[in-house]
Structures are given as C-alpha cells and as structure tokens.
Amino acid sequence: MAVGEIILTVLHVIFSLGLIAVVLLQSGKSAGLSGAIAGGAETFFGKKKGLDDFLAKITVFVAIGFAATSLILVVLTR
C-alpha cells in the first residue's frame, strides 16, 4: 500500500464513523396516528429546528466525503 492509499483509508474510516454518528444524532420522524397528532402540535408550538437543520447539512457533507473516498479507493485498487 502506498502512503496515499493509507491516508485515504484512514479518511474513509473517519468519514464512515462520522456518518454513523451524525445519523444517530438526528431526531427520528414520527409515524402512525401518534405521529400525526404530535406533528400537528409541533407546527403550533415549534420544534428545535436549528439543530436538526445543522445535522442535516453536516450529514450531506460527510456523506459526500464518504462517497468520494469510496470511489477513489475503488479506482486506486484496480
């Protein structure tokens, strides 16, 4: 393995662990009848949207980094 491949592999592992962490930190979406009732209440009283929006943006960037390192590692190993 070349030094570049080792660095990319380490970055890939960091991106994968970061993606797992960011997805687990996001709040779940309510489903079913209880979700419909609670969803209506959240539109009136508000919900902590700032953190959810921030985590969504971080998820996009980490997912792009994960996909990019995946593709680069596949090309390098061929």
PDB file of N, CA and C in Angstrom:
ATOM      1  N   MET A   1       0.839  -1.196   0.000  1.00  0.00           N
ATOM      2  CA  MET A   1       0.000   0.000   0.000  1.00  0.00           C
ATOM      3  C   MET A   1       0.877   1.250   0.000  1.00  0.00           C
ATOM      4  N   ALA A   2       0.502   2.164  -0.818  1.00  0.00           N
ATOM      5  CA  ALA A   2       1.222   3.428  -0.866  1.00  0.00           C
ATOM      6  C   ALA A   2       0.734   4.332   0.264  1.00  0.00           C
ATOM      7  N   VAL A   3       1.468   5.378   0.503  1.00  0.00           N
ATOM      8  CA  VAL A   3       1.119   6.307   1.575  1.00  0.00           C
ATOM      9  C   VAL A   3      -0.226   6.973   1.292  1.00  0.00           C
ATOM     10  N   GLY A   4      -0.483   7.271   0.023  1.00  0.00           N
ATOM     11  CA  GLY A   4      -1.761   7.891  -0.351  1.00  0.00           C
ATOM     12  C   GLY A   4      -2.952   7.001  -0.052  1.00  0.00           C
ATOM     13  N   GLU A   5      -2.796   5.714  -0.305  1.00  0.00           N
ATOM     14  CA  GLU A   5      -3.886   4.774  -0.019  1.00  0.00           C
ATOM     15  C   GLU A   5      -4.141   4.666   1.479  1.00  0.00           C
ATOM     16  N   ILE A   6      -3.085   4.687   2.263  1.00  0.00           N
ATOM     17  CA  ILE A   6      -3.246   4.607   3.721  1.00  0.00           C
ATOM     18  C   ILE A   6      -3.968   5.847   4.235  1.00  0.00           C
ATOM     19  N   ILE A   7      -3.587   7.015   3.728  1.00  0.00           N
ATOM     20  CA  ILE A   7      -4.253   8.254   4.147  1.00  0.00           C
ATOM     21  C   ILE A   7      -5.716   8.240   3.744  1.00  0.00           C
ATOM     22  N   LEU A   8      -5.999   7.793   2.512  1.00  0.00           N
ATOM     23  CA  LEU A   8      -7.399   7.718   2.060  1.00  0.00           C
ATOM     24  C   LEU A   8      -8.198   6.699   2.872  1.00  0.00           C
ATOM     25  N   THR A   9      -7.579   5.594   3.239  1.00  0.00           N
ATOM     26  CA  THR A   9      -8.271   4.591   4.056  1.00  0.00           C
ATOM     27  C   THR A   9      -8.597   5.145   5.434  1.00  0.00           C
ATOM     28  N   VAL A  10      -7.661   5.871   6.018  1.00  0.00           N
ATOM     29  CA  VAL A  10      -7.917   6.483   7.329  1.00  0.00           C
ATOM     30  C   VAL A  10      -9.032   7.526   7.217  1.00  0.00           C
ATOM     31  N   LEU A  11      -9.001   8.348   6.164  1.00  0.00           N
ATOM     32  CA  LEU A  11     -10.076   9.322   5.945  1.00  0.00           C
ATOM     33  C   LEU A  11     -11.420   8.632   5.742  1.00  0.00           C
ATOM     34  N   HIS A  12     -11.401   7.514   5.017  1.00  0.00           N
ATOM     35  CA  HIS A  12     -12.635   6.765   4.765  1.00  0.00           C
ATOM     36  C   HIS A  12     -13.232   6.233   6.071  1.00  0.00           C
ATOM     37  N   VAL A  13     -12.389   5.725   6.946  1.00  0.00           N
ATOM     38  CA  VAL A  13     -12.871   5.232   8.245  1.00  0.00           C
ATOM     39  C   VAL A  13     -13.419   6.382   9.080  1.00  0.00           C
ATOM     40  N   ILE A  14     -12.748   7.532   9.052  1.00  0.00           N
ATOM     41  CA  ILE A  14     -13.238   8.696   9.805  1.00  0.00           C
ATOM     42  C   ILE A  14     -14.577   9.155   9.265  1.00  0.00           C
ATOM     43  N   PHE A  15     -14.709   9.206   7.917  1.00  0.00           N
ATOM     44  CA  PHE A  15     -15.986   9.596   7.319  1.00  0.00           C
ATOM     45  C   PHE A  15     -17.091   8.603   7.660  1.00  0.00           C
ATOM     46  N   SER A  16     -16.775   7.314   7.664  1.00  0.00           N
ATOM     47  CA  SER A  16     -17.804   6.319   7.960  1.00  0.00           C
ATOM     48  C   SER A  16     -18.266   6.414   9.412  1.00  0.00           C
ATOM     49  N   LEU A  17     -17.337   6.583  10.336  1.00  0.00           N
ATOM     50  CA  LEU A  17     -17.721   6.736  11.745  1.00  0.00           C
ATOM     51  C   LEU A  17     -18.476   8.046  11.972  1.00  0.00           C
ATOM     52  N   GLY A  18     -18.045   9.104  11.286  1.00  0.00           N
ATOM     53  CA  GLY A  18     -18.747  10.375  11.395  1.00  0.00           C
ATOM     54  C   GLY A  18     -20.157  10.296  10.841  1.00  0.00           C
ATOM     55  N   LEU A  19     -20.327   9.583   9.730  1.00  0.00           N
ATOM     56  CA  LEU A  19     -21.657   9.436   9.146  1.00  0.00           C
ATOM     57  C   LEU A  19     -22.581   8.655  10.068  1.00  0.00           C
ATOM     58  N   ILE A  20     -22.075   7.616  10.674  1.00  0.00           N
ATOM     59  CA  ILE A  20     -22.874   6.846  11.629  1.00  0.00           C
ATOM     60  C   ILE A  20     -23.285   7.725  12.806  1.00  0.00           C
ATOM     61  N   ALA A  21     -22.344   8.490  13.330  1.00  0.00           N
ATOM     62  CA  ALA A  21     -22.629   9.330  14.493  1.00  0.00           C
ATOM     63  C   ALA A  21     -23.653  10.417  14.165  1.00  0.00           C
ATOM     64  N   VAL A  22     -23.495  11.058  13.013  1.00  0.00           N
ATOM     65  CA  VAL A  22     -24.402  12.155  12.660  1.00  0.00           C
ATOM     66  C   VAL A  22     -25.809  11.638  12.400  1.00  0.00           C
ATOM     67  N   VAL A  23     -25.923  10.483  11.771  1.00  0.00           N
ATOM     68  CA  VAL A  23     -27.250   9.920  11.514  1.00  0.00           C
ATOM     69  C   VAL A  23     -27.921   9.511  12.821  1.00  0.00           C
ATOM     70  N   LEU A  24     -27.155   8.961  13.741  1.00  0.00           N
ATOM     71  CA  LEU A  24     -27.745   8.560  15.023  1.00  0.00           C
ATOM     72  C   LEU A  24     -28.129   9.761  15.887  1.00  0.00           C
ATOM     73  N   LEU A  25     -27.477  10.889  15.706  1.00  0.00           N
ATOM     74  CA  LEU A  25     -27.809  12.078  16.489  1.00  0.00           C
ATOM     75  C   LEU A  25     -29.075  12.779  16.010  1.00  0.00           C
ATOM     76  N   GLN A  26     -29.495  12.508  14.776  1.00  0.00           N
ATOM     77  CA  GLN A  26     -30.686  13.176  14.257  1.00  0.00           C
ATOM     78  C   GLN A  26     -31.939  12.636  14.926  1.00  0.00           C
ATOM     79  N   SER A  27     -32.934  13.515  15.043  1.00  0.00           N
ATOM     80  CA  SER A  27     -34.186  13.091  15.656  1.00  0.00           C
ATOM     81  C   SER A  27     -34.984  12.265  14.661  1.00  0.00           C
ATOM     82  N   GLY A  28     -35.691  11.267  15.180  1.00  0.00           N
ATOM     83  CA  GLY A  28     -36.484  10.390  14.335  1.00  0.00           C
ATOM     84  C   GLY A  28     -37.776  11.039  13.893  1.00  0.00           C
ATOM     85  N   LYS A  29     -38.294  10.547  12.792  1.00  0.00           N
ATOM     86  CA  LYS A  29     -39.569  11.049  12.299  1.00  0.00           C
ATOM     87  C   LYS A  29     -40.686  10.216  12.917  1.00  0.00           C
ATOM     88  N   SER A  30     -41.725  10.887  13.377  1.00  0.00           N
ATOM     89  CA  SER A  30     -42.850  10.183  13.981  1.00  0.00           C
ATOM     90  C   SER A  30     -43.677   9.527  12.890  1.00  0.00           C
ATOM     91  N   ALA A  31     -44.233   8.381  13.208  1.00  0.00           N
ATOM     92  CA  ALA A  31     -45.047   7.650  12.243  1.00  0.00           C
ATOM     93  C   ALA A  31     -46.317   7.173  12.923  1.00  0.00           C
ATOM     94  N   GLY A  32     -47.320   6.930  12.142  1.00  0.00           N
ATOM     95  CA  GLY A  32     -48.570   6.420  12.675  1.00  0.00           C
ATOM     96  C   GLY A  32     -49.469   7.521  13.201  1.00  0.00           C
ATOM     97  N   LEU A  33     -50.516   7.113  13.937  1.00  0.00           N
ATOM     98  CA  LEU A  33     -51.503   8.060  14.443  1.00  0.00           C
ATOM     99  C   LEU A  33     -50.908   8.989  15.496  1.00  0.00           C
ATOM    100  N   SER A  34     -50.048   8.467  16.356  1.00  0.00           N
ATOM    101  CA  SER A  34     -49.443   9.337  17.370  1.00  0.00           C
ATOM    102  C   SER A  34     -48.539  10.376  16.726  1.00  0.00           C
ATOM    103  N   GLY A  35     -47.898  10.019  15.635  1.00  0.00           N
ATOM    104  CA  GLY A  35     -47.070  10.973  14.925  1.00  0.00           C
ATOM    105  C   GLY A  35     -47.894  12.063  14.268  1.00  0.00           C
ATOM    106  N   ALA A  36     -49.073  11.711  13.799  1.00  0.00           N
ATOM    107  CA  ALA A  36     -49.938  12.709  13.177  1.00  0.00           C
ATOM    108  C   ALA A  36     -50.427  13.719  14.215  1.00  0.00           C
ATOM    109  N   ILE A  37     -50.744  13.241  15.409  1.00  0.00           N
ATOM    110  CA  ILE A  37     -51.199  14.135  16.473  1.00  0.00           C
ATOM    111  C   ILE A  37     -50.044  15.007  16.960  1.00  0.00           C
ATOM    112  N   ALA A  38     -48.907  14.404  17.196  1.00  0.00           N
ATOM    113  CA  ALA A  38     -47.755  15.157  17.682  1.00  0.00           C
ATOM    114  C   ALA A  38     -47.229  16.095  16.596  1.00  0.00           C
ATOM    115  N   GLY A  39     -47.322  15.691  15.342  1.00  0.00           N
ATOM    116  CA  GLY A  39     -46.865  16.548  14.254  1.00  0.00           C
ATOM    117  C   GLY A  39     -47.682  17.817  14.158  1.00  0.00           C
ATOM    118  N   GLY A  40     -48.990  17.710  14.408  1.00  0.00           N
ATOM    119  CA  GLY A  40     -49.827  18.904  14.407  1.00  0.00           C
ATOM    120  C   GLY A  40     -49.480  19.827  15.547  1.00  0.00           C
ATOM    121  N   ALA A  41     -49.149  19.274  16.692  1.00  0.00           N
ATOM    122  CA  ALA A  41     -48.783  20.093  17.846  1.00  0.00           C
ATOM    123  C   ALA A  41     -47.442  20.781  17.620  1.00  0.00           C
ATOM    124  N   GLU A  42     -46.539  20.100  16.916  1.00  0.00           N
ATOM    125  CA  GLU A  42     -45.225  20.697  16.682  1.00  0.00           C
ATOM    126  C   GLU A  42     -45.315  21.890  15.747  1.00  0.00           C
ATOM    127  N   THR A  43     -46.309  21.904  14.844  1.00  0.00           N
ATOM    128  CA  THR A  43     -46.421  23.058  13.955  1.00  0.00           C
ATOM    129  C   THR A  43     -46.909  24.283  14.709  1.00  0.00           C
ATOM    130  N   PHE A  44     -47.694  24.085  15.761  1.00  0.00           N
ATOM    131  CA  PHE A  44     -48.177  25.221  16.537  1.00  0.00           C
ATOM    132  C   PHE A  44     -47.137  25.703  17.548  1.00  0.00           C
ATOM    133  N   PHE A  45     -46.514  24.780  18.254  1.00  0.00           N
ATOM    134  CA  PHE A  45     -45.614  25.141  19.345  1.00  0.00           C
ATOM    135  C   PHE A  45     -44.146  25.185  18.936  1.00  0.00           C
ATOM    136  N   GLY A  46     -43.848  24.722  17.758  1.00  0.00           N
ATOM    137  CA  GLY A  46     -42.475  24.766  17.272  1.00  0.00           C
ATOM    138  C   GLY A  46     -41.669  23.567  17.726  1.00  0.00           C
ATOM    139  N   LYS A  47     -40.561  23.370  17.074  1.00  0.00           N
ATOM    140  CA  LYS A  47     -39.663  22.265  17.366  1.00  0.00           C
ATOM    141  C   LYS A  47     -38.248  22.794  17.217  1.00  0.00           C
ATOM    142  N   LYS A  48     -37.286  22.169  17.873  1.00  0.00           N
ATOM    143  CA  LYS A  48     -35.902  22.606  17.747  1.00  0.00           C
ATOM    144  C   LYS A  48     -35.402  22.297  16.340  1.00  0.00           C
ATOM    145  N   LYS A  49     -35.627  23.225  15.435  1.00  0.00           N
ATOM    146  CA  LYS A  49     -35.249  23.011  14.041  1.00  0.00           C
ATOM    147  C   LYS A  49     -33.802  23.390  13.774  1.00  0.00           C
ATOM    148  N   GLY A  50     -33.227  24.240  14.590  1.00  0.00           N
ATOM    149  CA  GLY A  50     -31.864  24.679  14.331  1.00  0.00           C
ATOM    150  C   GLY A  50     -30.871  23.536  14.350  1.00  0.00           C
ATOM    151  N   LEU A  51     -30.965  22.679  15.351  1.00  0.00           N
ATOM    152  CA  LEU A  51     -30.049  21.550  15.471  1.00  0.00           C
ATOM    153  C   LEU A  51     -30.309  20.530  14.371  1.00  0.00           C
ATOM    154  N   ASP A  52     -31.577  20.286  14.059  1.00  0.00           N
ATOM    155  CA  ASP A  52     -31.898  19.322  13.011  1.00  0.00           C
ATOM    156  C   ASP A  52     -31.386  19.785  11.659  1.00  0.00           C
ATOM    157  N   ASP A  53     -31.537  21.064  11.361  1.00  0.00           N
ATOM    158  CA  ASP A  53     -31.035  21.590  10.092  1.00  0.00           C
ATOM    159  C   ASP A  53     -29.517  21.526  10.036  1.00  0.00           C
ATOM    160  N   PHE A  54     -28.855  21.840  11.142  1.00  0.00           N
ATOM    161  CA  PHE A  54     -27.392  21.790  11.199  1.00  0.00           C
ATOM    162  C   PHE A  54     -26.893  20.363  10.995  1.00  0.00           C
ATOM    163  N   LEU A  55     -27.538  19.394  11.649  1.00  0.00           N
ATOM    164  CA  LEU A  55     -27.129  17.999  11.494  1.00  0.00           C
ATOM    165  C   LEU A  55     -27.392  17.497  10.081  1.00  0.00           C
ATOM    166  N   ALA A  56     -28.461  17.980   9.457  1.00  0.00           N
ATOM    167  CA  ALA A  56     -28.754  17.581   8.081  1.00  0.00           C
ATOM    168  C   ALA A  56     -27.672  18.089   7.127  1.00  0.00           C
ATOM    169  N   LYS A  57     -27.208  19.315   7.341  1.00  0.00           N
ATOM    170  CA  LYS A  57     -26.148  19.849   6.490  1.00  0.00           C
ATOM    171  C   LYS A  57     -24.844  19.094   6.701  1.00  0.00           C
ATOM    172  N   ILE A  58     -24.534  18.778   7.941  1.00  0.00           N
ATOM    173  CA  ILE A  58     -23.317  18.011   8.219  1.00  0.00           C
ATOM    174  C   ILE A  58     -23.414  16.623   7.595  1.00  0.00           C
ATOM    175  N   THR A  59     -24.599  16.025   7.632  1.00  0.00           N
ATOM    176  CA  THR A  59     -24.792  14.702   7.048  1.00  0.00           C
ATOM    177  C   THR A  59     -24.497  14.718   5.556  1.00  0.00           C
ATOM    178  N   VAL A  60     -24.943  15.760   4.876  1.00  0.00           N
ATOM    179  CA  VAL A  60     -24.697  15.853   3.434  1.00  0.00           C
ATOM    180  C   VAL A  60     -23.205  15.935   3.148  1.00  0.00           C
ATOM    181  N   PHE A  61     -22.482  16.782   3.865  1.00  0.00           N
ATOM    182  CA  PHE A  61     -21.050  16.929   3.626  1.00  0.00           C
ATOM    183  C   PHE A  61     -20.279  15.651   3.956  1.00  0.00           C
ATOM    184  N   VAL A  62     -20.631  14.994   5.056  1.00  0.00           N
ATOM    185  CA  VAL A  62     -19.929  13.764   5.439  1.00  0.00           C
ATOM    186  C   VAL A  62     -20.253  12.648   4.444  1.00  0.00           C
ATOM    187  N   ALA A  63     -21.494  12.585   3.973  1.00  0.00           N
ATOM    188  CA  ALA A  63     -21.867  11.556   3.001  1.00  0.00           C
ATOM    189  C   ALA A  63     -21.145  11.764   1.674  1.00  0.00           C
ATOM    190  N   ILE A  64     -20.989  13.016   1.255  1.00  0.00           N
ATOM    191  CA  ILE A  64     -20.244  13.300   0.019  1.00  0.00           C
ATOM    192  C   ILE A  64     -18.779  12.893   0.183  1.00  0.00           C
ATOM    193  N   GLY A  65     -18.194  13.202   1.330  1.00  0.00           N
ATOM    194  CA  GLY A  65     -16.814  12.792   1.592  1.00  0.00           C
ATOM    195  C   GLY A  65     -16.660  11.283   1.618  1.00  0.00           C
ATOM    196  N   PHE A  66     -17.637  10.590   2.214  1.00  0.00           N
ATOM    197  CA  PHE A  66     -17.608   9.133   2.270  1.00  0.00           C
ATOM    198  C   PHE A  66     -17.703   8.539   0.864  1.00  0.00           C
ATOM    199  N   ALA A  67     -18.612   9.068   0.051  1.00  0.00           N
ATOM    200  CA  ALA A  67     -18.767   8.554  -1.312  1.00  0.00           C
ATOM    201  C   ALA A  67     -17.524   8.838  -2.150  1.00  0.00           C
ATOM    202  N   ALA A  68     -16.948  10.019  -1.978  1.00  0.00           N
ATOM    203  CA  ALA A  68     -15.755  10.374  -2.751  1.00  0.00           C
ATOM    204  C   ALA A  68     -14.575   9.473  -2.389  1.00  0.00           C
ATOM    205  N   THR A  69     -14.359   9.256  -1.099  1.00  0.00           N
ATOM    206  CA  THR A  69     -13.244   8.381  -0.711  1.00  0.00           C
ATOM    207  C   THR A  69     -13.500   6.948  -1.144  1.00  0.00           C
ATOM    208  N   SER A  70     -14.757   6.523  -1.142  1.00  0.00           N
ATOM    209  CA  SER A  70     -15.074   5.173  -1.617  1.00  0.00           C
ATOM    210  C   SER A  70     -14.710   5.010  -3.081  1.00  0.00           C
ATOM    211  N   LEU A  71     -15.132   5.983  -3.899  1.00  0.00           N
ATOM    212  CA  LEU A  71     -14.846   5.899  -5.331  1.00  0.00           C
ATOM    213  C   LEU A  71     -13.354   5.986  -5.617  1.00  0.00           C
ATOM    214  N   ILE A  72     -12.655   6.851  -4.912  1.00  0.00           N
ATOM    215  CA  ILE A  72     -11.214   6.991  -5.135  1.00  0.00           C
ATOM    216  C   ILE A  72     -10.478   5.710  -4.740  1.00  0.00           C
ATOM    217  N   LEU A  73     -10.881   5.105  -3.631  1.00  0.00           N
ATOM    218  CA  LEU A  73     -10.226   3.861  -3.206  1.00  0.00           C
ATOM    219  C   LEU A  73     -10.509   2.723  -4.195  1.00  0.00           C
ATOM    220  N   VAL A  74     -11.699   2.691  -4.768  1.00  0.00           N
ATOM    221  CA  VAL A  74     -12.004   1.655  -5.761  1.00  0.00           C
ATOM    222  C   VAL A  74     -11.140   1.841  -6.998  1.00  0.00           C
ATOM    223  N   VAL A  75     -10.998   3.078  -7.445  1.00  0.00           N
ATOM    224  CA  VAL A  75     -10.187   3.338  -8.635  1.00  0.00           C
ATOM    225  C   VAL A  75      -8.714   3.015  -8.368  1.00  0.00           C
ATOM    226  N   LEU A  76      -8.229   3.340  -7.182  1.00  0.00           N
ATOM    227  CA  LEU A  76      -6.819   3.085  -6.872  1.00  0.00           C
ATOM    228  C   LEU A  76      -6.499   1.601  -6.727  1.00  0.00           C
ATOM    229  N   THR A  77      -7.444   0.803  -6.302  1.00  0.00           N
ATOM    230  CA  THR A  77      -7.162  -0.609  -6.077  1.00  0.00           C
ATOM    231  C   THR A  77      -7.260  -1.435  -7.356  1.00  0.00           C
ATOM    232  N   ARG A  78      -7.770  -0.856  -8.432  1.00  0.00           N
ATOM    233  CA  ARG A  78      -7.857  -1.611  -9.691  1.00  0.00           C
ATOM    234  C   ARG A  78      -6.574  -1.633 -10.427  1.00  0.00           C
TER     235      ARG A  78
END
